[in-house]
């Protein structure tokens, strides 16, 4: 089985790059698919860094470097990560990194 059809998410939506969709950001009608390229946090379902949403590039332009890999997250998840105090914005690199405190 490939990544084209990965089943359904918790909302009952078909997931995988074979399924056309629109951006999950409220009011955005950008055409996307429900593949990993558009998955907040880089994987289907909720992840350590992301929600279960699928977003266009405009609404998922925040990079998170967890030390092992860099993933993109939506604007809401980026705000939540920073407000948790565990993540800070590394302006020199343009990514969120774990706070050292």
PDB file of N, CA and C in Angstrom:
ATOM      1  N   UNK A   1       0.843  -1.186   0.000  1.00  0.00           N
ATOM      2  CA  UNK A   1       0.000   0.000   0.000  1.00  0.00           C
ATOM      3  C   UNK A   1       0.883   1.243   0.000  1.00  0.00           C
ATOM      4  N   UNK A   2       0.555   2.208  -0.830  1.00  0.00           N
ATOM      5  CA  UNK A   2       1.300   3.453  -0.895  1.00  0.00           C
ATOM      6  C   UNK A   2       0.648   4.518  -0.033  1.00  0.00           C
ATOM      7  N   UNK A   3       1.115   5.748  -0.228  1.00  0.00           N
ATOM      8  CA  UNK A   3       0.595   6.874   0.534  1.00  0.00           C
ATOM      9  C   UNK A   3      -0.586   7.546  -0.163  1.00  0.00           C
ATOM     10  N   UNK A   4      -1.032   7.015  -1.297  1.00  0.00           N
ATOM     11  CA  UNK A   4      -2.151   7.610  -2.022  1.00  0.00           C
ATOM     12  C   UNK A   4      -3.469   7.480  -1.291  1.00  0.00           C
ATOM     13  N   UNK A   5      -3.684   6.352  -0.631  1.00  0.00           N
ATOM     14  CA  UNK A   5      -4.902   6.105   0.132  1.00  0.00           C
ATOM     15  C   UNK A   5      -4.485   5.574   1.491  1.00  0.00           C
ATOM     16  N   UNK A   6      -4.590   6.424   2.493  1.00  0.00           N
ATOM     17  CA  UNK A   6      -4.129   6.067   3.843  1.00  0.00           C
ATOM     18  C   UNK A   6      -5.277   5.858   4.817  1.00  0.00           C
ATOM     19  N   UNK A   7      -6.480   5.679   4.296  1.00  0.00           N
ATOM     20  CA  UNK A   7      -7.625   5.464   5.178  1.00  0.00           C
ATOM     21  C   UNK A   7      -8.358   6.757   5.452  1.00  0.00           C
ATOM     22  N   UNK A   8      -8.841   6.888   6.675  1.00  0.00           N
ATOM     23  CA  UNK A   8      -9.610   8.069   7.069  1.00  0.00           C
ATOM     24  C   UNK A   8      -9.030   8.658   8.343  1.00  0.00           C
ATOM     25  N   UNK A   9      -9.212   9.972   8.497  1.00  0.00           N
ATOM     26  CA  UNK A   9      -8.780  10.611   9.736  1.00  0.00           C
ATOM     27  C   UNK A   9      -9.906  10.523  10.770  1.00  0.00           C
ATOM     28  N   UNK A  10      -9.700  11.103  11.930  1.00  0.00           N
ATOM     29  CA  UNK A  10     -10.699  10.999  12.999  1.00  0.00           C
ATOM     30  C   UNK A  10     -11.990  11.747  12.672  1.00  0.00           C
ATOM     31  N   UNK A  11     -11.947  12.588  11.644  1.00  0.00           N
ATOM     32  CA  UNK A  11     -13.140  13.315  11.205  1.00  0.00           C
ATOM     33  C   UNK A  11     -13.868  12.573  10.088  1.00  0.00           C
ATOM     34  N   UNK A  12     -13.359  11.391   9.720  1.00  0.00           N
ATOM     35  CA  UNK A  12     -13.976  10.593   8.674  1.00  0.00           C
ATOM     36  C   UNK A  12     -13.589  10.994   7.264  1.00  0.00           C
ATOM     37  N   UNK A  13     -12.599  11.875   7.131  1.00  0.00           N
ATOM     38  CA  UNK A  13     -12.160  12.325   5.812  1.00  0.00           C
ATOM     39  C   UNK A  13     -11.122  11.361   5.248  1.00  0.00           C
ATOM     40  N   UNK A  14     -11.231  11.072   3.956  1.00  0.00           N
ATOM     41  CA  UNK A  14     -10.230  10.237   3.290  1.00  0.00           C
ATOM     42  C   UNK A  14      -8.902  10.982   3.277  1.00  0.00           C
ATOM     43  N   UNK A  15      -7.802  10.269   3.593  1.00  0.00           N
ATOM     44  CA  UNK A  15      -6.488  10.903   3.615  1.00  0.00           C
ATOM     45  C   UNK A  15      -5.523  10.181   2.685  1.00  0.00           C
ATOM     46  N   UNK A  16      -4.580  10.940   2.180  1.00  0.00           N
ATOM     47  CA  UNK A  16      -3.601  10.457   1.219  1.00  0.00           C
ATOM     48  C   UNK A  16      -3.556  11.411   0.038  1.00  0.00           C
ATOM     49  N   UNK A  17      -2.454  11.374  -0.718  1.00  0.00           N
ATOM     50  CA  UNK A  17      -2.291  12.337  -1.808  1.00  0.00           C
ATOM     51  C   UNK A  17      -3.275  12.138  -2.955  1.00  0.00           C
ATOM     52  N   UNK A  18      -3.992  11.045  -2.993  1.00  0.00           N
ATOM     53  CA  UNK A  18      -4.966  10.806  -4.063  1.00  0.00           C
ATOM     54  C   UNK A  18      -6.279  11.559  -3.846  1.00  0.00           C
ATOM     55  N   UNK A  19      -6.428  12.199  -2.690  1.00  0.00           N
ATOM     56  CA  UNK A  19      -7.698  12.841  -2.356  1.00  0.00           C
ATOM     57  C   UNK A  19      -7.574  14.358  -2.395  1.00  0.00           C
ATOM     58  N   UNK A  20      -8.292  14.969  -3.331  1.00  0.00           N
ATOM     59  CA  UNK A  20      -8.313  16.424  -3.441  1.00  0.00           C
ATOM     60  C   UNK A  20      -9.055  17.012  -2.258  1.00  0.00           C
ATOM     61  N   UNK A  21      -8.617  18.196  -1.852  1.00  0.00           N
ATOM     62  CA  UNK A  21      -9.221  18.851  -0.695  1.00  0.00           C
ATOM     63  C   UNK A  21      -8.997  20.352  -0.807  1.00  0.00           C
ATOM     64  N   UNK A  22      -9.492  21.076   0.177  1.00  0.00           N
ATOM     65  CA  UNK A  22      -9.169  22.494   0.311  1.00  0.00           C
ATOM     66  C   UNK A  22      -8.468  22.687   1.643  1.00  0.00           C
ATOM     67  N   UNK A  23      -7.715  23.763   1.731  1.00  0.00           N
ATOM     68  CA  UNK A  23      -6.976  24.102   2.948  1.00  0.00           C
ATOM     69  C   UNK A  23      -7.930  24.144   4.140  1.00  0.00           C
ATOM     70  N   UNK A  24      -7.493  23.605   5.280  1.00  0.00           N
ATOM     71  CA  UNK A  24      -8.323  23.580   6.488  1.00  0.00           C
ATOM     72  C   UNK A  24      -8.371  24.919   7.223  1.00  0.00           C
ATOM     73  N   UNK A  25      -7.568  25.900   6.816  1.00  0.00           N
ATOM     74  CA  UNK A  25      -7.616  27.210   7.463  1.00  0.00           C
ATOM     75  C   UNK A  25      -8.978  27.841   7.163  1.00  0.00           C
ATOM     76  N   UNK A  26      -9.639  28.323   8.183  1.00  0.00           N
ATOM     77  CA  UNK A  26     -10.975  28.903   8.028  1.00  0.00           C
ATOM     78  C   UNK A  26     -10.944  30.025   6.992  1.00  0.00           C
ATOM     79  N   UNK A  27     -11.824  29.920   6.009  1.00  0.00           N
ATOM     80  CA  UNK A  27     -11.951  30.943   4.985  1.00  0.00           C
ATOM     81  C   UNK A  27     -11.029  30.779   3.789  1.00  0.00           C
ATOM     82  N   UNK A  28     -10.113  29.829   3.836  1.00  0.00           N
ATOM     83  CA  UNK A  28      -9.199  29.605   2.712  1.00  0.00           C
ATOM     84  C   UNK A  28      -9.779  28.525   1.802  1.00  0.00           C
ATOM     85  N   UNK A  29      -9.762  28.778   0.526  1.00  0.00           N
ATOM     86  CA  UNK A  29     -10.283  27.818  -0.446  1.00  0.00           C
ATOM     87  C   UNK A  29      -9.198  27.279  -1.371  1.00  0.00           C
ATOM     88  N   UNK A  30      -7.937  27.380  -0.945  1.00  0.00           N
ATOM     89  CA  UNK A  30      -6.830  26.896  -1.777  1.00  0.00           C
ATOM     90  C   UNK A  30      -6.969  25.397  -2.003  1.00  0.00           C
ATOM     91  N   UNK A  31      -6.721  24.978  -3.225  1.00  0.00           N
ATOM     92  CA  UNK A  31      -6.810  23.561  -3.591  1.00  0.00           C
ATOM     93  C   UNK A  31      -5.529  22.838  -3.175  1.00  0.00           C
ATOM     94  N   UNK A  32      -5.690  21.760  -2.420  1.00  0.00           N
ATOM     95  CA  UNK A  32      -4.579  20.933  -1.956  1.00  0.00           C
ATOM     96  C   UNK A  32      -5.015  19.476  -2.067  1.00  0.00           C
ATOM     97  N   UNK A  33      -4.206  18.580  -1.558  1.00  0.00           N
ATOM     98  CA  UNK A  33      -4.651  17.197  -1.373  1.00  0.00           C
ATOM     99  C   UNK A  33      -4.382  16.838   0.085  1.00  0.00           C
ATOM    100  N   UNK A  34      -4.771  15.673   0.495  1.00  0.00           N
ATOM    101  CA  UNK A  34      -4.553  15.273   1.889  1.00  0.00           C
ATOM    102  C   UNK A  34      -3.351  14.342   2.010  1.00  0.00           C
ATOM    103  N   UNK A  35      -2.315  14.653   1.248  1.00  0.00           N
ATOM    104  CA  UNK A  35      -1.058  13.922   1.337  1.00  0.00           C
ATOM    105  C   UNK A  35      -0.145  14.527   2.386  1.00  0.00           C
ATOM    106  N   UNK A  36       0.986  13.884   2.613  1.00  0.00           N
ATOM    107  CA  UNK A  36       1.929  14.324   3.640  1.00  0.00           C
ATOM    108  C   UNK A  36       2.480  15.718   3.383  1.00  0.00           C
ATOM    109  N   UNK A  37       2.545  16.143   2.134  1.00  0.00           N
ATOM    110  CA  UNK A  37       3.061  17.479   1.818  1.00  0.00           C
ATOM    111  C   UNK A  37       2.221  18.583   2.442  1.00  0.00           C
ATOM    112  N   UNK A  38       0.978  18.309   2.683  1.00  0.00           N
ATOM    113  CA  UNK A  38       0.066  19.307   3.237  1.00  0.00           C
ATOM    114  C   UNK A  38      -0.334  19.004   4.682  1.00  0.00           C
ATOM    115  N   UNK A  39       0.176  17.935   5.256  1.00  0.00           N
ATOM    116  CA  UNK A  39      -0.187  17.518   6.619  1.00  0.00           C
ATOM    117  C   UNK A  39       0.595  18.317   7.652  1.00  0.00           C
ATOM    118  N   UNK A  40      -0.100  18.970   8.542  1.00  0.00           N
ATOM    119  CA  UNK A  40       0.550  19.722   9.609  1.00  0.00           C
ATOM    120  C   UNK A  40       1.383  18.769  10.458  1.00  0.00           C
ATOM    121  N   UNK A  41       2.647  19.101  10.636  1.00  0.00           N
ATOM    122  CA  UNK A  41       3.543  18.251  11.412  1.00  0.00           C
ATOM    123  C   UNK A  41       4.195  17.158  10.593  1.00  0.00           C
ATOM    124  N   UNK A  42       3.867  17.080   9.297  1.00  0.00           N
ATOM    125  CA  UNK A  42       4.531  16.148   8.404  1.00  0.00           C
ATOM    126  C   UNK A  42       4.032  14.719   8.418  1.00  0.00           C
ATOM    127  N   UNK A  43       2.930  14.459   9.130  1.00  0.00           N
ATOM    128  CA  UNK A  43       2.393  13.098   9.185  1.00  0.00           C
ATOM    129  C   UNK A  43       0.890  13.182   9.392  1.00  0.00           C
ATOM    130  N   UNK A  44       0.174  12.170   8.926  1.00  0.00           N
ATOM    131  CA  UNK A  44      -1.273  12.105   9.131  1.00  0.00           C
ATOM    132  C   UNK A  44      -1.568  11.975  10.623  1.00  0.00           C
ATOM    133  N   UNK A  45      -2.666  12.570  11.056  1.00  0.00           N
ATOM    134  CA  UNK A  45      -3.074  12.496  12.459  1.00  0.00           C
ATOM    135  C   UNK A  45      -2.337  13.513  13.310  1.00  0.00           C
ATOM    136  N   UNK A  46      -2.679  13.548  14.583  1.00  0.00           N
ATOM    137  CA  UNK A  46      -2.004  14.465  15.491  1.00  0.00           C
ATOM    138  C   UNK A  46      -0.600  13.957  15.758  1.00  0.00           C
ATOM    139  N   UNK A  47       0.343  14.900  15.794  1.00  0.00           N
ATOM    140  CA  UNK A  47       1.738  14.571  16.060  1.00  0.00           C
ATOM    141  C   UNK A  47       2.220  15.404  17.234  1.00  0.00           C
ATOM    142  N   UNK A  48       3.460  15.208  17.623  1.00  0.00           N
ATOM    143  CA  UNK A  48       4.025  15.996  18.720  1.00  0.00           C
ATOM    144  C   UNK A  48       3.977  17.489  18.408  1.00  0.00           C
ATOM    145  N   UNK A  49       4.121  17.836  17.134  1.00  0.00           N
ATOM    146  CA  UNK A  49       4.206  19.244  16.757  1.00  0.00           C
ATOM    147  C   UNK A  49       2.972  19.761  16.042  1.00  0.00           C
ATOM    148  N   UNK A  50       2.181  18.883  15.464  1.00  0.00           N
ATOM    149  CA  UNK A  50       1.095  19.340  14.612  1.00  0.00           C
ATOM    150  C   UNK A  50      -0.257  18.758  14.952  1.00  0.00           C
ATOM    151  N   UNK A  51      -1.248  19.375  14.339  1.00  0.00           N
ATOM    152  CA  UNK A  51      -2.629  18.922  14.497  1.00  0.00           C
ATOM    153  C   UNK A  51      -2.966  17.942  13.378  1.00  0.00           C
ATOM    154  N   UNK A  52      -4.187  17.654  13.212  1.00  0.00           N
ATOM    155  CA  UNK A  52      -4.631  16.695  12.203  1.00  0.00           C
ATOM    156  C   UNK A  52      -5.043  17.389  10.905  1.00  0.00           C
ATOM    157  N   UNK A  53      -4.701  18.675  10.780  1.00  0.00           N
ATOM    158  CA  UNK A  53      -5.140  19.442   9.629  1.00  0.00           C
ATOM    159  C   UNK A  53      -4.236  19.342   8.415  1.00  0.00           C
ATOM    160  N   UNK A  54      -4.782  19.810   7.288  1.00  0.00           N
ATOM    161  CA  UNK A  54      -4.077  19.857   6.007  1.00  0.00           C
ATOM    162  C   UNK A  54      -4.180  21.285   5.491  1.00  0.00           C
ATOM    163  N   UNK A  55      -3.029  21.885   5.160  1.00  0.00           N
ATOM    164  CA  UNK A  55      -2.990  23.313   4.871  1.00  0.00           C
ATOM    165  C   UNK A  55      -2.184  23.636   3.623  1.00  0.00           C
ATOM    166  N   UNK A  56      -2.551  24.754   2.985  1.00  0.00           N
ATOM    167  CA  UNK A  56      -1.784  25.266   1.855  1.00  0.00           C
ATOM    168  C   UNK A  56      -0.488  25.889   2.390  1.00  0.00           C
ATOM    169  N   UNK A  57       0.411  26.235   1.490  1.00  0.00           N
ATOM    170  CA  UNK A  57       1.708  26.792   1.889  1.00  0.00           C
ATOM    171  C   UNK A  57       1.558  28.096   2.672  1.00  0.00           C
ATOM    172  N   UNK A  58       0.573  28.900   2.336  1.00  0.00           N
ATOM    173  CA  UNK A  58       0.376  30.178   3.035  1.00  0.00           C
ATOM    174  C   UNK A  58       0.043  29.959   4.509  1.00  0.00           C
ATOM    175  N   UNK A  59      -0.702  28.924   4.822  1.00  0.00           N
ATOM    176  CA  UNK A  59      -1.150  28.692   6.197  1.00  0.00           C
ATOM    177  C   UNK A  59      -0.347  27.622   6.926  1.00  0.00           C
ATOM    178  N   UNK A  60       0.701  27.121   6.271  1.00  0.00           N
ATOM    179  CA  UNK A  60       1.591  26.157   6.929  1.00  0.00           C
ATOM    180  C   UNK A  60       3.032  26.502   6.550  1.00  0.00           C
ATOM    181  N   UNK A  61       3.450  27.683   6.982  1.00  0.00           N
ATOM    182  CA  UNK A  61       4.764  28.189   6.590  1.00  0.00           C
ATOM    183  C   UNK A  61       5.724  28.284   7.773  1.00  0.00           C
ATOM    184  N   UNK A  62       5.451  27.551   8.819  1.00  0.00           N
ATOM    185  CA  UNK A  62       6.273  27.591  10.030  1.00  0.00           C
ATOM    186  C   UNK A  62       7.087  26.311  10.127  1.00  0.00           C
ATOM    187  N   UNK A  63       8.395  26.461  10.251  1.00  0.00           N
ATOM    188  CA  UNK A  63       9.291  25.308  10.311  1.00  0.00           C
ATOM    189  C   UNK A  63       9.660  25.013  11.758  1.00  0.00           C
ATOM    190  N   UNK A  64       9.659  23.738  12.112  1.00  0.00           N
ATOM    191  CA  UNK A  64      10.022  23.287  13.461  1.00  0.00           C
ATOM    192  C   UNK A  64      11.195  22.324  13.327  1.00  0.00           C
ATOM    193  N   UNK A  65      12.291  22.633  14.024  1.00  0.00           N
ATOM    194  CA  UNK A  65      13.472  21.767  14.030  1.00  0.00           C
ATOM    195  C   UNK A  65      13.515  21.061  15.377  1.00  0.00           C
ATOM    196  N   UNK A  66      13.167  19.777  15.396  1.00  0.00           N
ATOM    197  CA  UNK A  66      13.153  19.038  16.662  1.00  0.00           C
ATOM    198  C   UNK A  66      14.471  18.326  16.930  1.00  0.00           C
ATOM    199  N   UNK A  67      15.471  18.614  16.112  1.00  0.00           N
ATOM    200  CA  UNK A  67      16.776  17.988  16.300  1.00  0.00           C
ATOM    201  C   UNK A  67      16.997  16.800  15.395  1.00  0.00           C
ATOM    202  N   UNK A  68      15.929  16.079  15.075  1.00  0.00           N
ATOM    203  CA  UNK A  68      16.022  14.923  14.189  1.00  0.00           C
ATOM    204  C   UNK A  68      15.617  15.260  12.760  1.00  0.00           C
ATOM    205  N   UNK A  69      14.631  16.128  12.641  1.00  0.00           N
ATOM    206  CA  UNK A  69      14.147  16.517  11.321  1.00  0.00           C
ATOM    207  C   UNK A  69      13.430  17.849  11.428  1.00  0.00           C
ATOM    208  N   UNK A  70      13.180  18.444  10.288  1.00  0.00           N
ATOM    209  CA  UNK A  70      12.451  19.707  10.234  1.00  0.00           C
ATOM    210  C   UNK A  70      11.102  19.438   9.582  1.00  0.00           C
ATOM    211  N   UNK A  71      10.036  19.897  10.239  1.00  0.00           N
ATOM    212  CA  UNK A  71       8.685  19.729   9.705  1.00  0.00           C
ATOM    213  C   UNK A  71       7.996  21.085   9.645  1.00  0.00           C
ATOM    214  N   UNK A  72       6.962  21.178   8.833  1.00  0.00           N
ATOM    215  CA  UNK A  72       6.140  22.382   8.749  1.00  0.00           C
ATOM    216  C   UNK A  72       4.889  22.189   9.594  1.00  0.00           C
ATOM    217  N   UNK A  73       4.484  23.265  10.242  1.00  0.00           N
ATOM    218  CA  UNK A  73       3.245  23.239  11.015  1.00  0.00           C
ATOM    219  C   UNK A  73       2.395  24.444  10.637  1.00  0.00           C
ATOM    220  N   UNK A  74       1.116  24.335  10.913  1.00  0.00           N
ATOM    221  CA  UNK A  74       0.197  25.426  10.614  1.00  0.00           C
ATOM    222  C   UNK A  74       0.431  26.593  11.573  1.00  0.00           C
ATOM    223  N   UNK A  75      -0.166  27.727  11.240  1.00  0.00           N
ATOM    224  CA  UNK A  75       0.009  28.923  12.050  1.00  0.00           C
ATOM    225  C   UNK A  75      -0.474  28.721  13.484  1.00  0.00           C
ATOM    226  N   UNK A  76      -1.601  28.045  13.671  1.00  0.00           N
ATOM    227  CA  UNK A  76      -2.135  27.817  15.020  1.00  0.00           C
ATOM    228  C   UNK A  76      -1.207  26.948  15.851  1.00  0.00           C
ATOM    229  N   UNK A  77      -0.681  25.886  15.257  1.00  0.00           N
ATOM    230  CA  UNK A  77       0.229  25.005  15.998  1.00  0.00           C
ATOM    231  C   UNK A  77       1.523  25.725  16.349  1.00  0.00           C
ATOM    232  N   UNK A  78       2.022  26.568  15.439  1.00  0.00           N
ATOM    233  CA  UNK A  78       3.238  27.332  15.726  1.00  0.00           C
ATOM    234  C   UNK A  78       3.012  28.246  16.927  1.00  0.00           C
ATOM    235  N   UNK A  79       1.868  28.919  16.964  1.00  0.00           N
ATOM    236  CA  UNK A  79       1.550  29.800  18.090  1.00  0.00           C
ATOM    237  C   UNK A  79       1.455  29.009  19.392  1.00  0.00           C
ATOM    238  N   UNK A  80       0.829  27.833  19.343  1.00  0.00           N
ATOM    239  CA  UNK A  80       0.714  26.995  20.539  1.00  0.00           C
ATOM    240  C   UNK A  80       2.077  26.523  21.027  1.00  0.00           C
ATOM    241  N   UNK A  81       2.957  26.144  20.107  1.00  0.00           N
ATOM    242  CA  UNK A  81       4.294  25.690  20.500  1.00  0.00           C
ATOM    243  C   UNK A  81       5.053  26.804  21.205  1.00  0.00           C
ATOM    244  N   UNK A  82       5.013  28.019  20.655  1.00  0.00           N
ATOM    245  CA  UNK A  82       5.717  29.146  21.266  1.00  0.00           C
ATOM    246  C   UNK A  82       5.092  29.504  22.612  1.00  0.00           C
ATOM    247  N   UNK A  83       3.765  29.531  22.690  1.00  0.00           N
ATOM    248  CA  UNK A  83       3.107  29.902  23.949  1.00  0.00           C
ATOM    249  C   UNK A  83       3.306  28.860  25.043  1.00  0.00           C
ATOM    250  N   UNK A  84       3.672  27.633  24.668  1.00  0.00           N
ATOM    251  CA  UNK A  84       3.936  26.598  25.675  1.00  0.00           C
ATOM    252  C   UNK A  84       5.209  26.887  26.464  1.00  0.00           C
ATOM    253  N   UNK A  85       6.074  27.738  25.912  1.00  0.00           N
ATOM    254  CA  UNK A  85       7.339  28.039  26.563  1.00  0.00           C
ATOM    255  C   UNK A  85       8.429  27.023  26.264  1.00  0.00           C
ATOM    256  N   UNK A  86       8.068  25.923  25.619  1.00  0.00           N
ATOM    257  CA  UNK A  86       9.049  24.885  25.292  1.00  0.00           C
ATOM    258  C   UNK A  86       9.762  25.154  23.972  1.00  0.00           C
ATOM    259  N   UNK A  87       9.225  26.070  23.177  1.00  0.00           N
ATOM    260  CA  UNK A  87       9.778  26.367  21.859  1.00  0.00           C
ATOM    261  C   UNK A  87       9.983  27.860  21.709  1.00  0.00           C
ATOM    262  N   UNK A  88      11.039  28.241  20.994  1.00  0.00           N
ATOM    263  CA  UNK A  88      11.301  29.644  20.691  1.00  0.00           C
ATOM    264  C   UNK A  88      11.583  29.771  19.200  1.00  0.00           C
ATOM    265  N   UNK A  89      11.407  30.983  18.698  1.00  0.00           N
ATOM    266  CA  UNK A  89      11.693  31.240  17.295  1.00  0.00           C
ATOM    267  C   UNK A  89      13.161  31.608  17.156  1.00  0.00           C
ATOM    268  N   UNK A  90      13.916  30.813  16.428  1.00  0.00           N
ATOM    269  CA  UNK A  90      15.321  31.102  16.134  1.00  0.00           C
ATOM    270  C   UNK A  90      15.341  31.959  14.874  1.00  0.00           C
ATOM    271  N   UNK A  91      15.373  33.275  15.080  1.00  0.00           N
ATOM    272  CA  UNK A  91      15.285  34.198  13.950  1.00  0.00           C
ATOM    273  C   UNK A  91      16.440  34.044  12.970  1.00  0.00           C
ATOM    274  N   UNK A  92      17.609  33.642  13.452  1.00  0.00           N
ATOM    275  CA  UNK A  92      18.761  33.505  12.553  1.00  0.00           C
ATOM    276  C   UNK A  92      18.578  32.352  11.570  1.00  0.00           C
ATOM    277  N   UNK A  93      17.811  31.338  11.970  1.00  0.00           N
ATOM    278  CA  UNK A  93      17.578  30.177  11.106  1.00  0.00           C
ATOM    279  C   UNK A  93      16.174  30.150  10.510  1.00  0.00           C
ATOM    280  N   UNK A  94      15.257  30.943  11.072  1.00  0.00           N
ATOM    281  CA  UNK A  94      13.888  30.964  10.579  1.00  0.00           C
ATOM    282  C   UNK A  94      13.086  29.734  10.950  1.00  0.00           C
ATOM    283  N   UNK A  95      13.409  29.122  12.094  1.00  0.00           N
ATOM    284  CA  UNK A  95      12.708  27.924  12.547  1.00  0.00           C
ATOM    285  C   UNK A  95      12.403  28.023  14.032  1.00  0.00           C
ATOM    286  N   UNK A  96      11.448  27.217  14.476  1.00  0.00           N
ATOM    287  CA  UNK A  96      11.204  27.061  15.903  1.00  0.00           C
ATOM    288  C   UNK A  96      12.126  25.967  16.413  1.00  0.00           C
ATOM    289  N   UNK A  97      12.753  26.220  17.562  1.00  0.00           N
ATOM    290  CA  UNK A  97      13.639  25.240  18.192  1.00  0.00           C
ATOM    291  C   UNK A  97      13.248  25.119  19.655  1.00  0.00           C
ATOM    292  N   UNK A  98      13.629  24.012  20.276  1.00  0.00           N
ATOM    293  CA  UNK A  98      13.333  23.827  21.699  1.00  0.00           C
ATOM    294  C   UNK A  98      14.049  24.882  22.521  1.00  0.00           C
ATOM    295  N   UNK A  99      13.343  25.397  23.506  1.00  0.00           N
ATOM    296  CA  UNK A  99      13.934  26.360  24.424  1.00  0.00           C
ATOM    297  C   UNK A  99      14.955  25.642  25.287  1.00  0.00           C
ATOM    298  N   UNK A 100      16.056  26.288  25.582  1.00  0.00           N
ATOM    299  CA  UNK A 100      17.099  25.651  26.384  1.00  0.00           C
ATOM    300  C   UNK A 100      16.865  25.810  27.872  1.00  0.00           C
ATOM    301  N   UNK A 101      15.844  26.511  28.264  1.00  0.00           N
ATOM    302  CA  UNK A 101      15.596  26.694  29.707  1.00  0.00           C
ATOM    303  C   UNK A 101      14.765  25.584  30.279  1.00  0.00           C
TER     304      UNK A 101
END
